[in-house]
N, C-alpha and C. Protein backbone atom coordinates (compact mmCIF):
# COMPACT_ATOMS: atom_id res chain seq x y z
N UNK A 1 44.76 -81.93 67.17
CA UNK A 1 45.11 -82.35 65.83
C UNK A 1 44.06 -84.13 66.33
N UNK A 2 43.68 -84.66 66.15
CA UNK A 2 42.36 -85.84 66.61
C UNK A 2 43.52 -87.23 66.35
N UNK A 3 43.43 -87.53 67.72
CA UNK A 3 44.47 -88.58 67.68
C UNK A 3 43.79 -89.57 68.46
N UNK A 4 44.02 -91.23 67.82
CA UNK A 4 43.28 -92.33 68.39
C UNK A 4 43.45 -92.75 69.54
N UNK A 5 42.23 -93.16 70.38
CA UNK A 5 42.05 -93.15 71.96
C UNK A 5 41.76 -94.52 72.17
N UNK A 6 42.83 -94.74 73.37
CA UNK A 6 42.43 -96.04 73.81
C UNK A 6 41.52 -96.96 73.82
N UNK A 7 41.34 -98.60 73.75
CA UNK A 7 40.33 -99.20 73.82
C UNK A 7 39.22 -99.24 75.14
N UNK A 8 38.22 -98.80 75.21
CA UNK A 8 37.57 -98.70 76.90
C UNK A 8 35.68 -99.60 76.73
N UNK A 9 35.59 -99.92 74.91
CA UNK A 9 33.81 -99.98 74.86
C UNK A 9 33.95 -101.25 75.22
N UNK A 10 32.60 -102.06 75.66
CA UNK A 10 32.04 -103.38 75.68
C UNK A 10 31.33 -103.38 74.61
N UNK A 11 30.97 -104.41 74.02
CA UNK A 11 29.44 -104.31 72.97
C UNK A 11 28.76 -104.53 73.74
N UNK A 12 27.82 -104.02 73.02
CA UNK A 12 26.62 -103.69 73.85
C UNK A 12 25.15 -104.13 72.80
N UNK A 13 25.21 -104.12 71.39
CA UNK A 13 24.29 -104.52 70.70
C UNK A 13 24.55 -105.77 70.04
N UNK A 14 24.64 -107.09 70.19
CA UNK A 14 25.21 -107.88 70.56
C UNK A 14 26.28 -108.01 69.59
N UNK A 15 26.80 -107.31 69.13
CA UNK A 15 28.12 -107.17 68.01
C UNK A 15 29.28 -106.89 68.54
N UNK A 16 30.27 -108.00 69.20
CA UNK A 16 31.50 -107.62 69.30
C UNK A 16 32.33 -106.56 68.75
N UNK A 17 32.95 -105.69 70.01
CA UNK A 17 33.77 -104.66 69.58
C UNK A 17 34.82 -104.61 68.55
N UNK A 18 34.94 -104.34 67.72
CA UNK A 18 36.50 -104.51 66.79
C UNK A 18 37.90 -104.97 68.10
N UNK A 19 38.63 -105.43 67.73
CA UNK A 19 39.34 -105.51 67.99
C UNK A 19 40.62 -104.31 67.76
N UNK A 20 41.49 -103.69 68.47
CA UNK A 20 41.80 -102.39 67.91
C UNK A 20 43.18 -102.75 67.15
N UNK A 21 42.82 -102.02 66.08
CA UNK A 21 44.31 -101.89 64.77
C UNK A 21 45.18 -101.63 65.41
N UNK A 22 46.82 -101.89 65.24
CA UNK A 22 48.18 -101.62 66.07
C UNK A 22 48.19 -100.43 66.48
N UNK A 23 47.98 -99.61 65.67
CA UNK A 23 47.75 -98.01 65.56
C UNK A 23 46.45 -97.61 65.39
N UNK A 24 45.73 -97.88 65.38
CA UNK A 24 44.02 -97.60 65.55
C UNK A 24 43.60 -96.83 64.52
N UNK A 25 42.20 -97.05 64.21
CA UNK A 25 42.07 -95.72 62.60
C UNK A 25 42.85 -94.48 62.30
N UNK A 26 42.44 -94.66 61.26
CA UNK A 26 43.45 -93.71 60.35
C UNK A 26 42.48 -92.36 60.40
N UNK A 27 42.95 -91.05 60.96
CA UNK A 27 41.83 -89.83 60.83
C UNK A 27 42.42 -88.88 60.02
N UNK A 28 41.94 -88.19 59.12
CA UNK A 28 42.48 -87.11 58.67
C UNK A 28 41.35 -86.47 58.29
N UNK A 29 41.66 -85.00 57.75
CA UNK A 29 40.58 -83.93 57.59
C UNK A 29 40.38 -83.89 56.39
N UNK A 30 39.45 -83.93 55.46
CA UNK A 30 39.56 -83.82 54.26
C UNK A 30 38.00 -82.43 53.43
N UNK A 31 38.16 -81.96 51.96
CA UNK A 31 36.88 -80.78 51.83
C UNK A 31 36.49 -82.16 50.89
N UNK A 32 34.78 -82.22 50.75
CA UNK A 32 34.42 -82.68 49.89
C UNK A 32 33.25 -81.92 49.09
N UNK A 33 33.08 -82.57 48.51
CA UNK A 33 31.43 -81.51 47.71
C UNK A 33 31.23 -82.93 47.63
N UNK A 34 29.82 -82.27 48.25
CA UNK A 34 28.41 -82.63 48.38
C UNK A 34 27.95 -83.21 47.14
N UNK A 35 27.62 -84.17 46.03
CA UNK A 35 27.10 -84.34 44.75
C UNK A 35 25.13 -84.05 45.12
N UNK A 36 24.96 -83.64 44.10
CA UNK A 36 23.59 -83.22 43.56
C UNK A 36 22.79 -84.29 44.07
N UNK A 37 22.73 -85.46 44.52
CA UNK A 37 21.82 -86.61 43.73
C UNK A 37 20.97 -86.48 44.69
N UNK A 38 19.98 -87.21 44.08
CA UNK A 38 18.36 -87.58 44.85
C UNK A 38 18.44 -89.01 45.43
N UNK A 39 18.35 -88.88 46.78
CA UNK A 39 18.32 -90.26 47.55
C UNK A 39 16.75 -90.59 48.00
N UNK A 40 16.43 -91.74 48.41
CA UNK A 40 15.24 -92.11 48.91
C UNK A 40 15.59 -92.28 50.64
N UNK A 41 15.13 -91.73 51.35
CA UNK A 41 15.10 -91.88 52.80
C UNK A 41 14.41 -92.74 53.13
N UNK A 42 14.45 -93.57 54.02
CA UNK A 42 14.31 -95.03 55.04
C UNK A 42 12.36 -94.41 55.00
N UNK A 43 11.73 -93.60 55.64
CA UNK A 43 10.47 -93.21 54.93
C UNK A 43 9.93 -92.96 53.75
N UNK A 44 10.61 -93.13 52.38
CA UNK A 44 10.18 -93.47 51.44
C UNK A 44 9.60 -91.86 50.34
N UNK A 45 10.29 -90.65 51.40
CA UNK A 45 10.49 -89.96 50.48
C UNK A 45 11.74 -89.40 49.70
N UNK A 46 11.76 -89.06 48.97
CA UNK A 46 12.92 -88.60 48.01
C UNK A 46 13.28 -87.14 48.15
N UNK A 47 14.80 -87.32 48.86
CA UNK A 47 15.26 -86.39 49.05
C UNK A 47 16.40 -85.59 48.19
N UNK A 48 17.27 -84.21 48.38
CA UNK A 48 18.16 -83.91 47.81
C UNK A 48 19.19 -84.38 48.67
N UNK A 49 20.62 -84.94 48.30
CA UNK A 49 21.29 -85.47 49.61
C UNK A 49 22.10 -83.84 50.17
N UNK A 50 22.45 -82.67 49.45
CA UNK A 50 23.11 -81.67 49.90
C UNK A 50 21.80 -80.80 50.85
N UNK A 51 20.55 -81.06 50.51
CA UNK A 51 19.40 -80.66 51.44
C UNK A 51 19.40 -81.34 52.93
N UNK A 52 19.97 -82.58 52.75
CA UNK A 52 19.74 -83.46 53.71
C UNK A 52 20.91 -83.35 54.44
N UNK A 53 22.09 -82.90 53.99
CA UNK A 53 23.59 -82.59 54.94
C UNK A 53 23.62 -81.03 55.10
N UNK A 54 22.79 -80.27 55.05
CA UNK A 54 22.78 -78.87 54.78
C UNK A 54 21.70 -78.32 56.02
N UNK A 55 20.60 -79.59 56.61
CA UNK A 55 20.20 -79.18 57.71
C UNK A 55 20.55 -78.27 58.79
N UNK A 56 22.17 -77.86 59.15
CA UNK A 56 22.66 -76.74 60.05
C UNK A 56 22.69 -77.61 60.98
N UNK A 57 22.69 -78.91 61.15
CA UNK A 57 23.08 -80.18 62.19
C UNK A 57 24.62 -80.58 62.01
N UNK A 58 25.04 -81.08 62.35
CA UNK A 58 26.51 -81.82 62.60
C UNK A 58 26.20 -83.01 61.37
N UNK A 59 26.73 -83.37 60.34
CA UNK A 59 26.72 -84.67 60.42
C UNK A 59 27.62 -85.75 60.63
N UNK A 60 27.20 -86.86 61.25
CA UNK A 60 27.72 -88.34 60.94
C UNK A 60 27.37 -89.47 60.14
N UNK A 61 28.20 -89.85 58.81
CA UNK A 61 27.59 -90.71 58.38
C UNK A 61 28.96 -91.95 57.45
N UNK A 62 27.94 -92.88 57.41
CA UNK A 62 28.98 -93.89 56.97
C UNK A 62 27.96 -94.87 55.81
N UNK A 63 28.41 -95.63 55.34
CA UNK A 63 28.05 -96.42 53.88
C UNK A 63 28.13 -97.86 54.36
N UNK A 64 26.41 -98.28 54.17
CA UNK A 64 26.14 -99.53 54.74
C UNK A 64 25.46 -100.00 53.64
N UNK A 65 25.15 -101.67 53.72
CA UNK A 65 24.30 -102.43 53.03
C UNK A 65 23.28 -103.26 54.23
N UNK A 66 22.22 -103.48 53.49
CA UNK A 66 21.75 -104.45 55.21
C UNK A 66 21.73 -105.78 54.96
N UNK A 67 22.18 -106.82 53.81
CA UNK A 67 22.80 -108.25 54.01
C UNK A 67 24.39 -108.05 54.30
N UNK A 68 24.82 -107.12 54.29
CA UNK A 68 26.08 -107.54 54.94
C UNK A 68 26.19 -107.87 56.34
N UNK A 69 27.01 -109.20 56.07
CA UNK A 69 27.32 -109.80 57.47
C UNK A 69 28.22 -109.59 58.10
N UNK A 70 29.29 -108.96 57.89
CA UNK A 70 30.89 -107.93 58.23
C UNK A 70 30.61 -106.89 58.68
N UNK A 71 31.15 -106.32 58.09
CA UNK A 71 31.58 -104.53 58.91
C UNK A 71 30.93 -103.71 59.38
N UNK A 72 29.16 -104.08 58.48
CA UNK A 72 27.94 -103.03 58.25
C UNK A 72 27.33 -103.10 59.63
N UNK A 73 27.58 -104.53 60.32
CA UNK A 73 26.60 -104.84 61.35
C UNK A 73 27.68 -103.97 62.75
N UNK A 74 28.87 -103.75 62.63
CA UNK A 74 29.95 -103.10 63.74
C UNK A 74 29.86 -101.52 63.34
N UNK A 75 29.62 -101.03 62.08
CA UNK A 75 29.60 -100.06 61.97
C UNK A 75 28.12 -99.50 62.52
N UNK A 76 27.30 -99.96 62.03
CA UNK A 76 25.72 -100.09 62.71
C UNK A 76 25.58 -100.00 64.29
N UNK A 77 26.23 -100.95 64.71
CA UNK A 77 26.50 -100.80 65.84
C UNK A 77 27.03 -99.58 66.87
N UNK A 78 28.06 -99.11 66.17
CA UNK A 78 28.88 -98.23 66.74
C UNK A 78 28.17 -97.07 66.99
N UNK A 79 27.67 -97.09 65.76
CA UNK A 79 26.26 -95.65 65.38
C UNK A 79 25.34 -95.65 66.41
N UNK A 80 24.69 -96.58 66.63
CA UNK A 80 23.13 -97.16 67.89
C UNK A 80 24.08 -96.49 69.29
N UNK A 81 25.34 -97.00 69.92
CA UNK A 81 26.05 -96.89 70.63
C UNK A 81 26.44 -95.36 70.91
N UNK A 82 26.73 -94.14 69.89
CA UNK A 82 26.93 -92.93 69.60
C UNK A 82 26.12 -92.37 70.02
N UNK A 83 24.90 -92.87 69.32
CA UNK A 83 23.60 -91.88 69.44
C UNK A 83 23.30 -92.25 71.34
N UNK A 84 23.10 -93.37 71.81
CA UNK A 84 22.86 -93.67 72.96
C UNK A 84 24.20 -92.71 74.23
N UNK A 85 24.79 -92.71 73.42
CA UNK A 85 25.84 -92.24 74.46
C UNK A 85 25.76 -90.30 74.48
N UNK A 86 25.33 -89.84 73.39
CA UNK A 86 25.05 -88.40 73.24
C UNK A 86 23.61 -88.24 74.58
N UNK A 87 23.13 -89.29 74.24
CA UNK A 87 21.93 -88.57 75.20
C UNK A 87 20.94 -87.61 74.80
N UNK A 88 20.58 -86.78 75.82
CA UNK A 88 19.84 -85.38 75.16
C UNK A 88 20.77 -84.81 74.05
N UNK A 89 21.76 -84.62 74.17
CA UNK A 89 22.11 -84.27 72.55
C UNK A 89 22.23 -84.61 71.19
N UNK A 90 21.53 -85.84 70.98
CA UNK A 90 21.75 -87.08 70.29
C UNK A 90 20.68 -86.48 69.23
N UNK A 91 19.35 -85.23 69.60
CA UNK A 91 18.68 -84.58 68.29
C UNK A 91 19.90 -83.37 67.67
N UNK A 92 20.66 -83.10 68.33
CA UNK A 92 21.30 -82.44 67.85
C UNK A 92 22.26 -82.44 66.31
N UNK A 93 22.08 -83.67 65.72
CA UNK A 93 22.98 -84.40 64.98
C UNK A 93 22.14 -85.17 64.08
N UNK A 94 22.70 -85.36 62.97
CA UNK A 94 21.85 -85.91 61.65
C UNK A 94 23.31 -87.39 61.52
N UNK A 95 22.52 -88.24 62.30
CA UNK A 95 23.61 -89.68 61.39
C UNK A 95 22.93 -90.03 60.60
N UNK A 96 23.16 -89.97 59.35
CA UNK A 96 23.59 -90.52 57.83
C UNK A 96 23.54 -91.77 57.64
N UNK A 97 22.76 -93.05 57.24
CA UNK A 97 23.69 -94.26 56.37
C UNK A 97 23.33 -94.24 55.24
N UNK A 98 24.42 -94.37 54.46
CA UNK A 98 23.59 -94.61 52.97
C UNK A 98 24.03 -95.71 52.11
N UNK A 99 23.06 -96.76 51.69
CA UNK A 99 22.97 -98.03 50.98
C UNK A 99 24.05 -97.71 49.66
N UNK A 100 24.82 -99.19 49.86
CA UNK A 100 25.74 -99.19 48.82
C UNK A 100 25.23 -100.55 47.80
N UNK A 101 23.83 -101.19 48.47
CA UNK A 101 23.36 -101.74 47.63
C UNK A 101 21.94 -101.39 47.15
N UNK A 102 21.50 -100.44 46.64
CA UNK A 102 20.34 -99.88 46.83
C UNK A 102 19.16 -100.55 45.82
N UNK A 103 19.69 -101.46 44.87
CA UNK A 103 18.86 -102.75 44.18
C UNK A 103 18.44 -103.35 44.82
N UNK A 104 18.91 -103.69 46.65
CA UNK A 104 18.17 -104.64 47.10
C UNK A 104 17.11 -103.65 48.39
N UNK A 105 18.40 -103.04 48.84
CA UNK A 105 17.48 -101.88 49.69
C UNK A 105 16.87 -101.11 49.71
N UNK A 106 15.29 -101.16 49.82
CA UNK A 106 14.20 -100.53 49.71
C UNK A 106 14.08 -100.02 51.46
N UNK A 107 13.33 -98.79 50.87
CA UNK A 107 13.55 -98.09 52.20
C UNK A 107 12.45 -99.02 53.37
N UNK A 108 11.79 -100.19 53.49
CA UNK A 108 11.26 -100.71 54.10
C UNK A 108 11.86 -101.87 54.89
N UNK A 109 12.85 -102.35 54.03
CA UNK A 109 14.28 -103.17 54.58
C UNK A 109 15.16 -102.14 55.13
N UNK A 110 15.35 -100.60 55.00
CA UNK A 110 15.68 -100.16 55.80
C UNK A 110 15.62 -99.97 56.74
N UNK A 111 14.28 -99.27 56.69
CA UNK A 111 13.52 -99.02 58.03
C UNK A 111 13.62 -100.15 59.19
N UNK A 112 13.70 -101.46 58.56
CA UNK A 112 13.89 -102.96 59.71
C UNK A 112 14.87 -102.42 60.37
N UNK A 113 16.11 -102.53 59.16
CA UNK A 113 17.33 -102.68 59.32
C UNK A 113 17.56 -101.93 60.37
N UNK A 114 17.08 -100.64 60.59
CA UNK A 114 17.32 -98.99 61.59
C UNK A 114 16.35 -99.56 62.69
N UNK A 115 15.20 -100.19 62.91
CA UNK A 115 14.80 -100.51 64.21
C UNK A 115 15.68 -101.96 64.59
N UNK A 116 16.36 -102.55 64.02
CA UNK A 116 17.42 -103.64 64.24
C UNK A 116 18.56 -103.50 65.24
N UNK A 117 19.27 -101.77 64.88
CA UNK A 117 19.21 -101.32 65.74
C UNK A 117 19.50 -100.01 66.84
N UNK A 118 17.75 -100.07 66.41
CA UNK A 118 17.28 -98.86 67.63
C UNK A 118 17.57 -97.73 67.63
N UNK A 119 17.57 -97.08 66.15
CA UNK A 119 17.73 -96.02 65.48
C UNK A 119 17.04 -94.97 65.90
N UNK A 120 17.57 -93.70 66.16
CA UNK A 120 16.60 -92.81 66.75
C UNK A 120 16.03 -91.89 65.36
N UNK A 121 15.30 -90.32 65.97
CA UNK A 121 14.71 -89.86 64.37
C UNK A 121 15.11 -88.98 63.83
N UNK A 122 16.93 -89.33 64.69
CA UNK A 122 18.22 -88.05 64.28
C UNK A 122 19.17 -88.93 62.92
N UNK A 123 18.36 -90.08 62.94
CA UNK A 123 19.23 -91.06 61.98
C UNK A 123 18.63 -91.89 61.58
N UNK A 124 19.35 -91.26 59.68
CA UNK A 124 18.24 -92.03 58.83
C UNK A 124 19.05 -92.97 57.70
N UNK A 125 18.91 -92.94 57.30
CA UNK A 125 18.98 -94.21 56.37
C UNK A 125 18.43 -94.24 54.94
N UNK A 126 19.61 -93.93 53.79
CA UNK A 126 19.16 -93.91 52.43
C UNK A 126 19.19 -94.79 51.42
N UNK A 127 18.63 -94.75 50.49
CA UNK A 127 18.53 -95.74 49.16
C UNK A 127 18.81 -94.23 47.63
N UNK A 128 17.92 -95.58 46.95
CA UNK A 128 17.75 -94.56 45.59
C UNK A 128 18.54 -96.02 44.58
N UNK A 129 18.91 -94.48 43.44
CA UNK A 129 19.30 -95.68 42.82
C UNK A 129 20.36 -95.70 42.32
N UNK A 130 21.47 -97.07 42.25
CA UNK A 130 22.52 -97.45 42.20
C UNK A 130 23.64 -96.75 41.39
N UNK A 131 23.33 -95.84 40.02
CA UNK A 131 24.02 -93.93 39.99
C UNK A 131 24.05 -93.44 41.11
N UNK A 132 22.84 -93.26 42.01
CA UNK A 132 23.16 -92.62 42.54
C UNK A 132 24.30 -92.56 43.96
N UNK A 133 23.84 -93.84 44.24
CA UNK A 133 24.35 -94.63 45.22
C UNK A 133 26.27 -94.18 45.31
N UNK A 134 26.38 -94.73 43.79
CA UNK A 134 27.82 -94.60 43.42
C UNK A 134 28.04 -93.52 43.41
N UNK A 135 27.90 -92.26 43.18
CA UNK A 135 28.35 -90.97 42.76
C UNK A 135 28.68 -90.51 44.59
N UNK A 136 27.37 -91.09 45.01
CA UNK A 136 27.81 -90.54 46.79
C UNK A 136 29.29 -91.30 46.98
N UNK A 137 28.83 -92.55 46.96
CA UNK A 137 30.23 -93.58 47.12
C UNK A 137 31.96 -92.29 46.68
N UNK A 138 31.68 -92.44 45.66
CA UNK A 138 32.97 -91.11 44.68
C UNK A 138 33.24 -90.21 45.46
N UNK A 139 31.89 -89.30 45.84
CA UNK A 139 32.04 -88.17 46.15
C UNK A 139 33.28 -88.37 47.53
N UNK A 140 32.17 -89.00 48.33
CA UNK A 140 33.38 -89.08 49.62
C UNK A 140 34.34 -90.30 49.49
N UNK A 141 34.97 -90.57 48.71
CA UNK A 141 36.08 -92.02 48.37
C UNK A 141 36.37 -92.67 49.15
N UNK A 142 34.67 -93.58 49.05
CA UNK A 142 34.55 -94.63 49.94
C UNK A 142 33.97 -95.95 48.58
N UNK A 143 33.99 -95.64 47.66
CA UNK A 143 33.56 -96.51 46.46
C UNK A 143 34.80 -97.96 45.88
N UNK A 144 34.45 -98.55 46.17
CA UNK A 144 35.60 -99.39 45.43
C UNK A 144 35.07 -100.91 44.52
N UNK A 145 34.72 -100.76 43.96
CA UNK A 145 34.13 -101.51 42.91
C UNK A 145 32.47 -102.23 43.03
N UNK A 146 32.50 -101.94 44.58
CA UNK A 146 31.14 -103.16 44.67
C UNK A 146 30.85 -102.85 46.23
N UNK A 147 29.48 -103.08 46.20
CA UNK A 147 29.49 -103.74 47.97
C UNK A 147 30.04 -104.86 48.86
N UNK A 148 30.80 -105.92 47.51
CA UNK A 148 31.43 -106.61 48.82
C UNK A 148 33.09 -106.01 48.81
N UNK A 149 33.40 -105.19 48.06
CA UNK A 149 35.17 -104.68 48.20
C UNK A 149 34.66 -103.67 49.19
N UNK A 150 33.83 -102.64 50.28
CA UNK A 150 33.74 -101.90 50.98
C UNK A 150 34.33 -101.88 52.50
N UNK A 151 35.06 -101.01 52.66
CA UNK A 151 35.66 -100.86 54.12
C UNK A 151 35.01 -100.03 54.93
N UNK A 152 35.14 -100.11 56.28
CA UNK A 152 34.94 -99.08 57.37
C UNK A 152 35.46 -97.35 57.43
N UNK A 153 34.30 -96.99 56.84
CA UNK A 153 34.74 -95.48 56.84
C UNK A 153 34.10 -94.73 57.51
N UNK A 154 33.85 -93.49 58.36
CA UNK A 154 33.30 -92.77 58.82
C UNK A 154 33.28 -91.55 58.60
N UNK A 155 32.85 -90.48 58.44
CA UNK A 155 32.68 -89.15 58.04
C UNK A 155 32.25 -88.36 59.20
N UNK A 156 32.57 -87.23 59.88
CA UNK A 156 31.64 -86.15 60.11
C UNK A 156 32.06 -84.98 60.18
N UNK A 157 31.28 -84.35 59.79
CA UNK A 157 31.10 -82.36 59.62
C UNK A 157 31.08 -82.36 60.71
N UNK A 158 30.98 -80.80 61.25
CA UNK A 158 30.35 -79.96 61.86
C UNK A 158 29.33 -78.77 61.40
N UNK A 159 29.78 -78.38 60.20
CA UNK A 159 28.51 -77.82 59.40
C UNK A 159 28.82 -77.63 58.63
N UNK A 160 27.44 -77.14 58.00
CA UNK A 160 27.76 -76.80 56.45
C UNK A 160 29.16 -75.58 55.96
N UNK A 161 29.77 -76.00 54.70
CA UNK A 161 31.37 -75.43 54.41
C UNK A 161 32.12 -76.01 55.07
N UNK A 162 31.81 -76.54 56.42
CA UNK A 162 33.17 -77.18 57.59
C UNK A 162 33.85 -77.80 56.36
N UNK A 163 35.02 -78.56 56.98
CA UNK A 163 36.23 -79.74 56.44
C UNK A 163 35.25 -81.08 56.96
N UNK A 164 35.55 -82.25 56.41
CA UNK A 164 34.93 -83.74 57.24
C UNK A 164 36.10 -84.32 57.75
N UNK A 165 36.14 -84.75 59.10
CA UNK A 165 36.67 -85.67 59.56
C UNK A 165 36.57 -87.05 58.88
N UNK A 166 37.63 -87.91 58.63
CA UNK A 166 37.21 -89.22 57.64
C UNK A 166 38.26 -90.08 58.82
N UNK A 167 37.60 -90.88 58.86
CA UNK A 167 37.96 -92.17 59.99
C UNK A 167 38.00 -93.32 59.18
N UNK A 168 39.36 -93.45 59.12
CA UNK A 168 39.35 -94.89 57.95
C UNK A 168 39.48 -95.55 59.29
N UNK A 169 38.77 -96.95 59.46
CA UNK A 169 38.99 -98.41 60.32
C UNK A 169 37.69 -98.03 61.15
N UNK A 170 37.77 -98.90 62.07
CA UNK A 170 36.38 -99.52 62.88
C UNK A 170 36.72 -98.33 64.49
N UNK A 171 35.75 -97.71 64.56
CA UNK A 171 36.33 -96.54 65.49
C UNK A 171 35.18 -97.03 66.91
N UNK A 172 35.60 -96.60 67.84
CA UNK A 172 34.90 -97.38 69.14
C UNK A 172 33.96 -96.15 69.15
N UNK A 173 32.55 -96.40 69.68
CA UNK A 173 31.64 -95.29 70.23
C UNK A 173 32.35 -94.13 71.04
N UNK A 174 32.98 -94.49 72.02
CA UNK A 174 33.32 -93.21 72.93
C UNK A 174 34.11 -92.80 72.70
N UNK A 175 34.98 -93.13 71.44
CA UNK A 175 35.87 -92.54 71.01
C UNK A 175 35.08 -91.71 69.34
N UNK A 176 34.28 -91.92 69.05
CA UNK A 176 33.59 -91.09 68.29
C UNK A 176 32.56 -89.91 68.65
N UNK A 177 32.41 -89.89 70.03
CA UNK A 177 31.84 -89.34 70.45
C UNK A 177 33.01 -87.97 71.20
N UNK A 178 34.52 -88.42 70.99
CA UNK A 178 35.08 -87.49 71.67
C UNK A 178 35.55 -86.79 70.83
N UNK A 179 35.53 -87.63 69.15
CA UNK A 179 35.74 -86.65 68.20
C UNK A 179 34.85 -86.28 67.52
N UNK A 180 33.58 -85.98 67.98
CA UNK A 180 32.72 -85.31 67.67
C UNK A 180 32.26 -84.34 68.78
N UNK A 181 32.94 -84.42 69.82
CA UNK A 181 33.19 -83.21 70.91
C UNK A 181 33.98 -82.10 70.23
N UNK A 182 35.56 -82.89 70.35
CA UNK A 182 36.54 -82.29 69.45
C UNK A 182 36.19 -80.86 67.82
N UNK A 183 35.21 -81.95 67.23
CA UNK A 183 35.53 -80.86 65.98
C UNK A 183 34.10 -80.18 66.30
N UNK A 184 33.39 -80.33 66.80
CA UNK A 184 32.45 -79.27 67.55
C UNK A 184 32.86 -78.05 68.21
N UNK A 185 34.04 -78.56 68.58
CA UNK A 185 34.80 -77.61 69.88
C UNK A 185 35.45 -76.54 68.64
N UNK A 186 36.18 -77.60 67.78
CA UNK A 186 36.96 -76.72 67.14
C UNK A 186 36.27 -75.48 65.74
N UNK A 187 34.66 -76.08 65.67
CA UNK A 187 34.26 -75.29 64.39
C UNK A 187 34.15 -73.70 64.95
């Protein structure tokens, strides 16, 4: 079973690492059905969410919005550090960030946001209609009634058809790498 690890990281992207909670992030294994919605990737291409998630690579997923000034920059910083720590293995994982504010987050705005965090080719950002975003949020049990009510949740799946690791709360990059490697080893 995946357990919280100690605190080890300094911030690397200009955002402070969150202080660890008394017990750390809460991890659980869940089954989610990927909804049949169409989203718009940061390159402007309209895509099917199930197709994007079933490309054979492990998925690491979060929900953000570009004008957020609280938890989204921290979660995106963790993704950026996770991506760097994977180094040569980074192209073997598909990092996905879905906007909870698709009315403002155009593909261009998402590309700009991705550049700010030095996102590699394996990390895509998605927008679309508000209905599609809410459907995706509900499918992964992160919808809280609006973009300002969101919480820090990271989801990870080793392969299509496998269960998801749900991490509620702020996860540190080294801990996310550990969780990722443990999840891959267990498949």
